[in-house]
C-alpha cells in the first residue's frame, strides 16, 4: 500500500514536469515560428527573441501568421526576387 502511494506521488511530479516541459516546448515553437517568417522584416530582432525567451507570461507570446502563406503565387514571388520559384514538398514518412 505504501509503495502505491510513492508511485502516485511520483506520477503527479512527473505530470507536473511534463506540463512545464509542454509550456517550454510551446514557447520555443512560437518563437521559432516568428524566426522563420518568409520576409526578413517580419522576423524579430535578436533582442526581441531574448525578451520572448525570458518572459514568464505565456499570454504575451502570440502565434505569428503562417510564414509560407502569401497572396501571390510562388512563381510570381520567384520572378520578383530573381530566383527560381520555391516550392515545398511534403516528406512521406
PDB file of N, CA and C in Angstrom:
ATOM      1  N   UNK A   1       0.820  -1.187   0.000  1.00  0.00           N
ATOM      2  CA  UNK A   1       0.000   0.000   0.000  1.00  0.00           C
ATOM      3  C   UNK A   1       0.868   1.256   0.000  1.00  0.00           C
ATOM      4  N   UNK A   2       1.892   1.282   0.840  1.00  0.00           N
ATOM      5  CA  UNK A   2       2.785   2.439   0.909  1.00  0.00           C
ATOM      6  C   UNK A   2       3.535   2.614  -0.409  1.00  0.00           C
ATOM      7  N   UNK A   3       3.884   1.493  -1.048  1.00  0.00           N
ATOM      8  CA  UNK A   3       4.585   1.548  -2.326  1.00  0.00           C
ATOM      9  C   UNK A   3       3.698   2.211  -3.384  1.00  0.00           C
ATOM     10  N   UNK A   4       2.413   1.922  -3.339  1.00  0.00           N
ATOM     11  CA  UNK A   4       1.457   2.526  -4.266  1.00  0.00           C
ATOM     12  C   UNK A   4       1.406   4.049  -4.089  1.00  0.00           C
ATOM     13  N   UNK A   5       1.453   4.525  -2.850  1.00  0.00           N
ATOM     14  CA  UNK A   5       1.424   5.964  -2.578  1.00  0.00           C
ATOM     15  C   UNK A   5       2.644   6.667  -3.174  1.00  0.00           C
ATOM     16  N   UNK A   6       3.813   6.023  -3.076  1.00  0.00           N
ATOM     17  CA  UNK A   6       5.018   6.599  -3.674  1.00  0.00           C
ATOM     18  C   UNK A   6       4.869   6.706  -5.193  1.00  0.00           C
ATOM     19  N   UNK A   7       4.239   5.690  -5.780  1.00  0.00           N
ATOM     20  CA  UNK A   7       4.013   5.690  -7.221  1.00  0.00           C
ATOM     21  C   UNK A   7       3.097   6.844  -7.627  1.00  0.00           C
ATOM     22  N   UNK A   8       2.047   7.070  -6.858  1.00  0.00           N
ATOM     23  CA  UNK A   8       1.100   8.158  -7.137  1.00  0.00           C
ATOM     24  C   UNK A   8       1.804   9.505  -7.022  1.00  0.00           C
ATOM     25  N   UNK A   9       2.616   9.667  -5.987  1.00  0.00           N
ATOM     26  CA  UNK A   9       3.367  10.916  -5.807  1.00  0.00           C
ATOM     27  C   UNK A   9       4.335  11.119  -6.961  1.00  0.00           C
ATOM     28  N   UNK A  10       5.031  10.053  -7.345  1.00  0.00           N
ATOM     29  CA  UNK A  10       5.981  10.140  -8.459  1.00  0.00           C
ATOM     30  C   UNK A  10       5.263  10.517  -9.750  1.00  0.00           C
ATOM     31  N   UNK A  11       4.114   9.910 -10.001  1.00  0.00           N
ATOM     32  CA  UNK A  11       3.346  10.239 -11.207  1.00  0.00           C
ATOM     33  C   UNK A  11       2.887  11.688 -11.203  1.00  0.00           C
ATOM     34  N   UNK A  12       2.446  12.183 -10.066  1.00  0.00           N
ATOM     35  CA  UNK A  12       1.988  13.571 -10.015  1.00  0.00           C
ATOM     36  C   UNK A  12       3.151  14.530 -10.267  1.00  0.00           C
ATOM     37  N   UNK A  13       4.329  14.200  -9.758  1.00  0.00           N
ATOM     38  CA  UNK A  13       5.505  15.033 -10.030  1.00  0.00           C
ATOM     39  C   UNK A  13       5.886  14.961 -11.507  1.00  0.00           C
ATOM     40  N   UNK A  14       5.793  13.778 -12.083  1.00  0.00           N
ATOM     41  CA  UNK A  14       6.121  13.614 -13.497  1.00  0.00           C
ATOM     42  C   UNK A  14       5.140  14.390 -14.365  1.00  0.00           C
ATOM     43  N   UNK A  15       3.855  14.335 -14.017  1.00  0.00           N
ATOM     44  CA  UNK A  15       2.851  15.085 -14.777  1.00  0.00           C
ATOM     45  C   UNK A  15       3.096  16.583 -14.680  1.00  0.00           C
ATOM     46  N   UNK A  16       3.487  17.052 -13.508  1.00  0.00           N
ATOM     47  CA  UNK A  16       3.795  18.475 -13.351  1.00  0.00           C
ATOM     48  C   UNK A  16       4.993  18.850 -14.203  1.00  0.00           C
ATOM     49  N   UNK A  17       5.984  17.977 -14.240  1.00  0.00           N
ATOM     50  CA  UNK A  17       7.164  18.225 -15.057  1.00  0.00           C
ATOM     51  C   UNK A  17       6.784  18.250 -16.532  1.00  0.00           C
ATOM     52  N   UNK A  18       5.948  17.322 -16.946  1.00  0.00           N
ATOM     53  CA  UNK A  18       5.507  17.304 -18.339  1.00  0.00           C
ATOM     54  C   UNK A  18       4.779  18.590 -18.708  1.00  0.00           C
ATOM     55  N   UNK A  19       3.977  19.093 -17.800  1.00  0.00           N
ATOM     56  CA  UNK A  19       3.251  20.338 -18.070  1.00  0.00           C
ATOM     57  C   UNK A  19       4.232  21.488 -18.270  1.00  0.00           C
ATOM     58  N   UNK A  20       5.251  21.536 -17.429  1.00  0.00           N
ATOM     59  CA  UNK A  20       6.280  22.572 -17.567  1.00  0.00           C
ATOM     60  C   UNK A  20       7.043  22.421 -18.865  1.00  0.00           C
ATOM     61  N   UNK A  21       7.374  21.170 -19.195  1.00  0.00           N
ATOM     62  CA  UNK A  21       8.067  20.917 -20.457  1.00  0.00           C
ATOM     63  C   UNK A  21       7.189  21.293 -21.643  1.00  0.00           C
ATOM     64  N   UNK A  22       5.894  21.039 -21.517  1.00  0.00           N
ATOM     65  CA  UNK A  22       4.972  21.392 -22.597  1.00  0.00           C
ATOM     66  C   UNK A  22       4.924  22.901 -22.789  1.00  0.00           C
ATOM     67  N   UNK A  23       4.946  23.642 -21.691  1.00  0.00           N
ATOM     68  CA  UNK A  23       4.937  25.104 -21.794  1.00  0.00           C
ATOM     69  C   UNK A  23       6.216  25.605 -22.461  1.00  0.00           C
ATOM     70  N   UNK A  24       7.342  25.004 -22.092  1.00  0.00           N
ATOM     71  CA  UNK A  24       8.619  25.397 -22.698  1.00  0.00           C
ATOM     72  C   UNK A  24       8.615  25.072 -24.183  1.00  0.00           C
ATOM     73  N   UNK A  25       8.135  23.880 -24.527  1.00  0.00           N
ATOM     74  CA  UNK A  25       8.092  23.479 -25.935  1.00  0.00           C
ATOM     75  C   UNK A  25       7.198  24.412 -26.744  1.00  0.00           C
ATOM     76  N   UNK A  26       6.052  24.791 -26.170  1.00  0.00           N
ATOM     77  CA  UNK A  26       5.141  25.710 -26.867  1.00  0.00           C
ATOM     78  C   UNK A  26       5.807  27.064 -27.073  1.00  0.00           C
ATOM     79  N   UNK A  27       6.480  27.560 -26.032  1.00  0.00           N
ATOM     80  CA  UNK A  27       7.161  28.852 -26.130  1.00  0.00           C
ATOM     81  C   UNK A  27       8.229  28.807 -27.221  1.00  0.00           C
ATOM     82  N   UNK A  28       9.036  27.743 -27.236  1.00  0.00           N
ATOM     83  CA  UNK A  28      10.096  27.630 -28.238  1.00  0.00           C
ATOM     84  C   UNK A  28       9.528  27.500 -29.647  1.00  0.00           C
ATOM     85  N   UNK A  29       8.415  26.789 -29.775  1.00  0.00           N
ATOM     86  CA  UNK A  29       7.791  26.642 -31.091  1.00  0.00           C
ATOM     87  C   UNK A  29       7.279  27.985 -31.609  1.00  0.00           C
ATOM     88  N   UNK A  30       6.631  28.756 -30.750  1.00  0.00           N
ATOM     89  CA  UNK A  30       6.111  30.068 -31.163  1.00  0.00           C
ATOM     90  C   UNK A  30       7.259  30.989 -31.565  1.00  0.00           C
ATOM     91  N   UNK A  31       8.309  31.012 -30.759  1.00  0.00           N
ATOM     92  CA  UNK A  31       9.463  31.860 -31.083  1.00  0.00           C
ATOM     93  C   UNK A  31      10.101  31.402 -32.390  1.00  0.00           C
ATOM     94  N   UNK A  32      10.208  30.089 -32.564  1.00  0.00           N
ATOM     95  CA  UNK A  32      10.759  29.555 -33.811  1.00  0.00           C
ATOM     96  C   UNK A  32       9.945  29.964 -35.027  1.00  0.00           C
ATOM     97  N   UNK A  33       8.620  29.949 -34.890  1.00  0.00           N
ATOM     98  CA  UNK A  33       7.763  30.376 -35.999  1.00  0.00           C
ATOM     99  C   UNK A  33       7.969  31.849 -36.331  1.00  0.00           C
ATOM    100  N   UNK A  34       8.193  32.672 -35.316  1.00  0.00           N
ATOM    101  CA  UNK A  34       8.491  34.083 -35.587  1.00  0.00           C
ATOM    102  C   UNK A  34       9.808  34.207 -36.345  1.00  0.00           C
ATOM    103  N   UNK A  35      10.778  33.377 -35.995  1.00  0.00           N
ATOM    104  CA  UNK A  35      12.120  33.492 -36.589  1.00  0.00           C
ATOM    105  C   UNK A  35      12.195  32.993 -38.028  1.00  0.00           C
ATOM    106  N   UNK A  36      11.211  32.206 -38.471  1.00  0.00           N
ATOM    107  CA  UNK A  36      11.258  31.689 -39.843  1.00  0.00           C
ATOM    108  C   UNK A  36      10.285  32.399 -40.774  1.00  0.00           C
ATOM    109  N   UNK A  37       9.844  33.568 -40.397  1.00  0.00           N
ATOM    110  CA  UNK A  37       8.956  34.327 -41.280  1.00  0.00           C
ATOM    111  C   UNK A  37       9.645  34.548 -42.622  1.00  0.00           C
ATOM    112  N   UNK A  38       8.881  34.428 -43.687  1.00  0.00           N
ATOM    113  CA  UNK A  38       9.433  34.493 -45.046  1.00  0.00           C
ATOM    114  C   UNK A  38      10.127  35.829 -45.305  1.00  0.00           C
ATOM    115  N   UNK A  39       9.483  36.909 -44.935  1.00  0.00           N
ATOM    116  CA  UNK A  39      10.045  38.240 -45.162  1.00  0.00           C
ATOM    117  C   UNK A  39      10.910  38.640 -43.968  1.00  0.00           C
ATOM    118  N   UNK A  40      12.163  39.016 -44.197  1.00  0.00           N
ATOM    119  CA  UNK A  40      13.050  39.391 -43.092  1.00  0.00           C
ATOM    120  C   UNK A  40      12.494  40.494 -42.194  1.00  0.00           C
ATOM    121  N   UNK A  41      11.719  41.416 -42.753  1.00  0.00           N
ATOM    122  CA  UNK A  41      11.170  42.499 -41.931  1.00  0.00           C
ATOM    123  C   UNK A  41      10.160  41.986 -40.902  1.00  0.00           C
ATOM    124  N   UNK A  42       9.608  40.803 -41.128  1.00  0.00           N
ATOM    125  CA  UNK A  42       8.637  40.225 -40.201  1.00  0.00           C
ATOM    126  C   UNK A  42       9.294  39.402 -39.094  1.00  0.00           C
ATOM    127  N   UNK A  43      10.598  39.185 -39.198  1.00  0.00           N
ATOM    128  CA  UNK A  43      11.313  38.404 -38.186  1.00  0.00           C
ATOM    129  C   UNK A  43      11.719  39.302 -37.025  1.00  0.00           C
ATOM    130  N   UNK A  44      11.704  38.764 -35.803  1.00  0.00           N
ATOM    131  CA  UNK A  44      12.097  39.578 -34.646  1.00  0.00           C
ATOM    132  C   UNK A  44      13.608  39.772 -34.591  1.00  0.00           C
ATOM    133  N   UNK A  45      14.025  40.853 -33.967  1.00  0.00           N
ATOM    134  CA  UNK A  45      15.458  41.073 -33.744  1.00  0.00           C
ATOM    135  C   UNK A  45      15.928  40.104 -32.669  1.00  0.00           C
ATOM    136  N   UNK A  46      17.232  39.919 -32.554  1.00  0.00           N
ATOM    137  CA  UNK A  46      17.762  39.024 -31.531  1.00  0.00           C
ATOM    138  C   UNK A  46      17.391  39.531 -30.140  1.00  0.00           C
ATOM    139  N   UNK A  47      17.337  40.845 -29.985  1.00  0.00           N
ATOM    140  CA  UNK A  47      16.936  41.423 -28.696  1.00  0.00           C
ATOM    141  C   UNK A  47      15.500  41.021 -28.358  1.00  0.00           C
ATOM    142  N   UNK A  48      14.618  41.074 -29.352  1.00  0.00           N
ATOM    143  CA  UNK A  48      13.229  40.668 -29.141  1.00  0.00           C
ATOM    144  C   UNK A  48      13.125  39.177 -28.834  1.00  0.00           C
ATOM    145  N   UNK A  49      13.930  38.374 -29.515  1.00  0.00           N
ATOM    146  CA  UNK A  49      13.924  36.927 -29.270  1.00  0.00           C
ATOM    147  C   UNK A  49      14.342  36.639 -27.830  1.00  0.00           C
ATOM    148  N   UNK A  50      15.373  37.316 -27.369  1.00  0.00           N
ATOM    149  CA  UNK A  50      15.832  37.124 -25.987  1.00  0.00           C
ATOM    150  C   UNK A  50      14.737  37.523 -25.004  1.00  0.00           C
ATOM    151  N   UNK A  51      14.049  38.630 -25.283  1.00  0.00           N
ATOM    152  CA  UNK A  51      12.944  39.055 -24.410  1.00  0.00           C
ATOM    153  C   UNK A  51      11.826  38.012 -24.402  1.00  0.00           C
ATOM    154  N   UNK A  52      11.527  37.453 -25.575  1.00  0.00           N
ATOM    155  CA  UNK A  52      10.493  36.422 -25.644  1.00  0.00           C
ATOM    156  C   UNK A  52      10.910  35.184 -24.857  1.00  0.00           C
ATOM    157  N   UNK A  53      12.184  34.807 -24.954  1.00  0.00           N
ATOM    158  CA  UNK A  53      12.674  33.638 -24.222  1.00  0.00           C
ATOM    159  C   UNK A  53      12.625  33.851 -22.715  1.00  0.00           C
ATOM    160  N   UNK A  54      12.860  35.074 -22.290  1.00  0.00           N
ATOM    161  CA  UNK A  54      12.920  35.369 -20.857  1.00  0.00           C
ATOM    162  C   UNK A  54      11.562  35.663 -20.231  1.00  0.00           C
ATOM    163  N   UNK A  55      10.531  35.885 -21.030  1.00  0.00           N
ATOM    164  CA  UNK A  55       9.222  36.230 -20.473  1.00  0.00           C
ATOM    165  C   UNK A  55       8.625  35.054 -19.706  1.00  0.00           C
ATOM    166  N   UNK A  56       7.973  35.368 -18.633  1.00  0.00           N
ATOM    167  CA  UNK A  56       7.302  34.350 -17.812  1.00  0.00           C
ATOM    168  C   UNK A  56       5.819  34.255 -18.162  1.00  0.00           C
ATOM    169  N   UNK A  57       5.305  35.266 -18.831  1.00  0.00           N
ATOM    170  CA  UNK A  57       3.882  35.319 -19.168  1.00  0.00           C
ATOM    171  C   UNK A  57       3.636  34.631 -20.504  1.00  0.00           C
ATOM    172  N   UNK A  58       2.885  33.534 -20.467  1.00  0.00           N
ATOM    173  CA  UNK A  58       2.583  32.797 -21.692  1.00  0.00           C
ATOM    174  C   UNK A  58       1.712  33.602 -22.650  1.00  0.00           C
ATOM    175  N   UNK A  59       0.772  34.368 -22.097  1.00  0.00           N
ATOM    176  CA  UNK A  59      -0.180  35.083 -22.948  1.00  0.00           C
ATOM    177  C   UNK A  59       0.445  36.268 -23.676  1.00  0.00           C
ATOM    178  N   UNK A  60       1.698  36.607 -23.372  1.00  0.00           N
ATOM    179  CA  UNK A  60       2.366  37.696 -24.088  1.00  0.00           C
ATOM    180  C   UNK A  60       2.893  37.235 -25.445  1.00  0.00           C
ATOM    181  N   UNK A  61       3.039  35.923 -25.626  1.00  0.00           N
ATOM    182  CA  UNK A  61       3.518  35.396 -26.900  1.00  0.00           C
ATOM    183  C   UNK A  61       2.328  35.080 -27.795  1.00  0.00           C
ATOM    184  N   UNK A  62       2.318  35.682 -28.963  1.00  0.00           N
ATOM    185  CA  UNK A  62       1.249  35.410 -29.915  1.00  0.00           C
ATOM    186  C   UNK A  62       1.805  34.584 -31.063  1.00  0.00           C
ATOM    187  N   UNK A  63       0.979  33.718 -31.584  1.00  0.00           N
ATOM    188  CA  UNK A  63       1.386  32.883 -32.708  1.00  0.00           C
ATOM    189  C   UNK A  63       1.441  33.763 -33.952  1.00  0.00           C
ATOM    190  N   UNK A  64       2.560  33.725 -34.679  1.00  0.00           N
ATOM    191  CA  UNK A  64       2.671  34.558 -35.879  1.00  0.00           C
ATOM    192  C   UNK A  64       1.837  33.995 -37.019  1.00  0.00           C
ATOM    193  N   UNK A  65       1.652  34.785 -38.065  1.00  0.00           N
ATOM    194  CA  UNK A  65       0.952  34.258 -39.238  1.00  0.00           C
ATOM    195  C   UNK A  65       1.794  33.170 -39.890  1.00  0.00           C
ATOM    196  N   UNK A  66       1.156  32.354 -40.686  1.00  0.00           N
ATOM    197  CA  UNK A  66       1.861  31.290 -41.400  1.00  0.00           C
ATOM    198  C   UNK A  66       2.979  31.917 -42.230  1.00  0.00           C
ATOM    199  N   UNK A  67       4.243  31.524 -42.003  1.00  0.00           N
ATOM    200  CA  UNK A  67       5.345  32.166 -42.715  1.00  0.00           C
ATOM    201  C   UNK A  67       5.376  31.864 -44.211  1.00  0.00           C
ATOM    202  N   UNK A  68       4.670  30.833 -44.636  1.00  0.00           N
ATOM    203  CA  UNK A  68       4.709  30.449 -46.048  1.00  0.00           C
ATOM    204  C   UNK A  68       3.430  30.801 -46.785  1.00  0.00           C
ATOM    205  N   UNK A  69       2.489  31.435 -46.091  1.00  0.00           N
ATOM    206  CA  UNK A  69       1.233  31.834 -46.712  1.00  0.00           C
ATOM    207  C   UNK A  69       1.426  33.183 -47.390  1.00  0.00           C
ATOM    208  N   UNK A  70       0.937  33.287 -48.600  1.00  0.00           N
ATOM    209  CA  UNK A  70       1.060  34.544 -49.322  1.00  0.00           C
ATOM    210  C   UNK A  70      -0.120  34.702 -50.264  1.00  0.00           C
ATOM    211  N   UNK A  71      -0.410  35.941 -50.605  1.00  0.00           N
ATOM    212  CA  UNK A  71      -1.481  36.184 -51.567  1.00  0.00           C
ATOM    213  C   UNK A  71      -0.966  36.073 -52.991  1.00  0.00           C
ATOM    214  N   UNK A  72       0.375  36.084 -53.169  1.00  0.00           N
ATOM    215  CA  UNK A  72       0.949  35.924 -54.504  1.00  0.00           C
ATOM    216  C   UNK A  72       1.415  34.494 -54.673  1.00  0.00           C
ATOM    217  N   UNK A  73       1.475  34.057 -55.919  1.00  0.00           N
ATOM    218  CA  UNK A  73       1.905  32.684 -56.165  1.00  0.00           C
ATOM    219  C   UNK A  73       3.412  32.562 -55.983  1.00  0.00           C
ATOM    220  N   UNK A  74       3.891  31.330 -55.811  1.00  0.00           N
ATOM    221  CA  UNK A  74       5.329  31.121 -55.643  1.00  0.00           C
ATOM    222  C   UNK A  74       6.076  31.495 -56.915  1.00  0.00           C
ATOM    223  N   UNK A  75       5.438  31.320 -58.066  1.00  0.00           N
ATOM    224  CA  UNK A  75       6.094  31.675 -59.320  1.00  0.00           C
ATOM    225  C   UNK A  75       6.324  33.179 -59.397  1.00  0.00           C
ATOM    226  N   UNK A  76       5.317  33.962 -59.060  1.00  0.00           N
ATOM    227  CA  UNK A  76       5.459  35.413 -59.096  1.00  0.00           C
ATOM    228  C   UNK A  76       6.513  35.858 -58.093  1.00  0.00           C
ATOM    229  N   UNK A  77       6.475  35.316 -56.880  1.00  0.00           N
ATOM    230  CA  UNK A  77       7.479  35.677 -55.876  1.00  0.00           C
ATOM    231  C   UNK A  77       8.876  35.334 -56.379  1.00  0.00           C
ATOM    232  N   UNK A  78       9.003  34.184 -57.030  1.00  0.00           N
ATOM    233  CA  UNK A  78      10.303  33.774 -57.535  1.00  0.00           C
ATOM    234  C   UNK A  78      10.799  34.702 -58.628  1.00  0.00           C
ATOM    235  N   UNK A  79       9.902  35.133 -59.499  1.00  0.00           N
ATOM    236  CA  UNK A  79      10.300  36.038 -60.569  1.00  0.00           C
ATOM    237  C   UNK A  79      10.676  37.408 -60.027  1.00  0.00           C
ATOM    238  N   UNK A  80       9.953  37.865 -59.026  1.00  0.00           N
ATOM    239  CA  UNK A  80      10.250  39.170 -58.443  1.00  0.00           C
ATOM    240  C   UNK A  80      11.615  39.161 -57.778  1.00  0.00           C
ATOM    241  N   UNK A  81      11.935  38.086 -57.076  1.00  0.00           N
ATOM    242  CA  UNK A  81      13.208  38.037 -56.362  1.00  0.00           C
ATOM    243  C   UNK A  81      14.369  37.676 -57.281  1.00  0.00           C
ATOM    244  N   UNK A  82      14.085  37.299 -58.517  1.00  0.00           N
ATOM    245  CA  UNK A  82      15.154  36.951 -59.443  1.00  0.00           C
ATOM    246  C   UNK A  82      15.655  35.532 -59.262  1.00  0.00           C
ATOM    247  N   UNK A  83      14.968  34.759 -58.480  1.00  0.00           N
ATOM    248  CA  UNK A  83      15.343  33.370 -58.246  1.00  0.00           C
ATOM    249  C   UNK A  83      14.293  32.469 -58.854  1.00  0.00           C
ATOM    250  N   UNK A  84      14.630  31.217 -58.951  1.00  0.00           N
ATOM    251  CA  UNK A  84      13.630  30.273 -59.441  1.00  0.00           C
ATOM    252  C   UNK A  84      12.551  30.095 -58.385  1.00  0.00           C
ATOM    253  N   UNK A  85      11.368  29.724 -58.766  1.00  0.00           N
ATOM    254  CA  UNK A  85      10.273  29.564 -57.807  1.00  0.00           C
ATOM    255  C   UNK A  85      10.610  28.518 -56.746  1.00  0.00           C
ATOM    256  N   UNK A  86      10.259  28.825 -55.515  1.00  0.00           N
ATOM    257  CA  UNK A  86      10.478  27.892 -54.421  1.00  0.00           C
ATOM    258  C   UNK A  86       9.174  27.187 -54.105  1.00  0.00           C
ATOM    259  N   UNK A  87       9.233  25.902 -54.031  1.00  0.00           N
ATOM    260  CA  UNK A  87       8.053  25.144 -53.658  1.00  0.00           C
ATOM    261  C   UNK A  87       8.454  24.129 -52.603  1.00  0.00           C
ATOM    262  N   UNK A  88       7.614  23.974 -51.619  1.00  0.00           N
ATOM    263  CA  UNK A  88       7.855  22.999 -50.574  1.00  0.00           C
ATOM    264  C   UNK A  88       7.125  21.722 -50.930  1.00  0.00           C
ATOM    265  N   UNK A  89       7.774  20.598 -50.706  1.00  0.00           N
ATOM    266  CA  UNK A  89       7.072  19.356 -50.943  1.00  0.00           C
ATOM    267  C   UNK A  89       7.051  18.546 -49.657  1.00  0.00           C
ATOM    268  N   UNK A  90       5.992  17.798 -49.482  1.00  0.00           N
ATOM    269  CA  UNK A  90       5.827  17.015 -48.261  1.00  0.00           C
ATOM    270  C   UNK A  90       6.767  15.824 -48.278  1.00  0.00           C
ATOM    271  N   UNK A  91       7.305  15.516 -47.125  1.00  0.00           N
ATOM    272  CA  UNK A  91       8.179  14.355 -46.974  1.00  0.00           C
ATOM    273  C   UNK A  91       7.340  13.228 -46.397  1.00  0.00           C
ATOM    274  N   UNK A  92       7.276  12.132 -47.111  1.00  0.00           N
ATOM    275  CA  UNK A  92       6.497  10.982 -46.657  1.00  0.00           C
ATOM    276  C   UNK A  92       7.288  10.196 -45.632  1.00  0.00           C
ATOM    277  N   UNK A  93       6.626   9.828 -44.555  1.00  0.00           N
ATOM    278  CA  UNK A  93       7.294   9.038 -43.510  1.00  0.00           C
ATOM    279  C   UNK A  93       6.982   7.585 -43.667  1.00  0.00           C
TER     280      UNK A  93
END
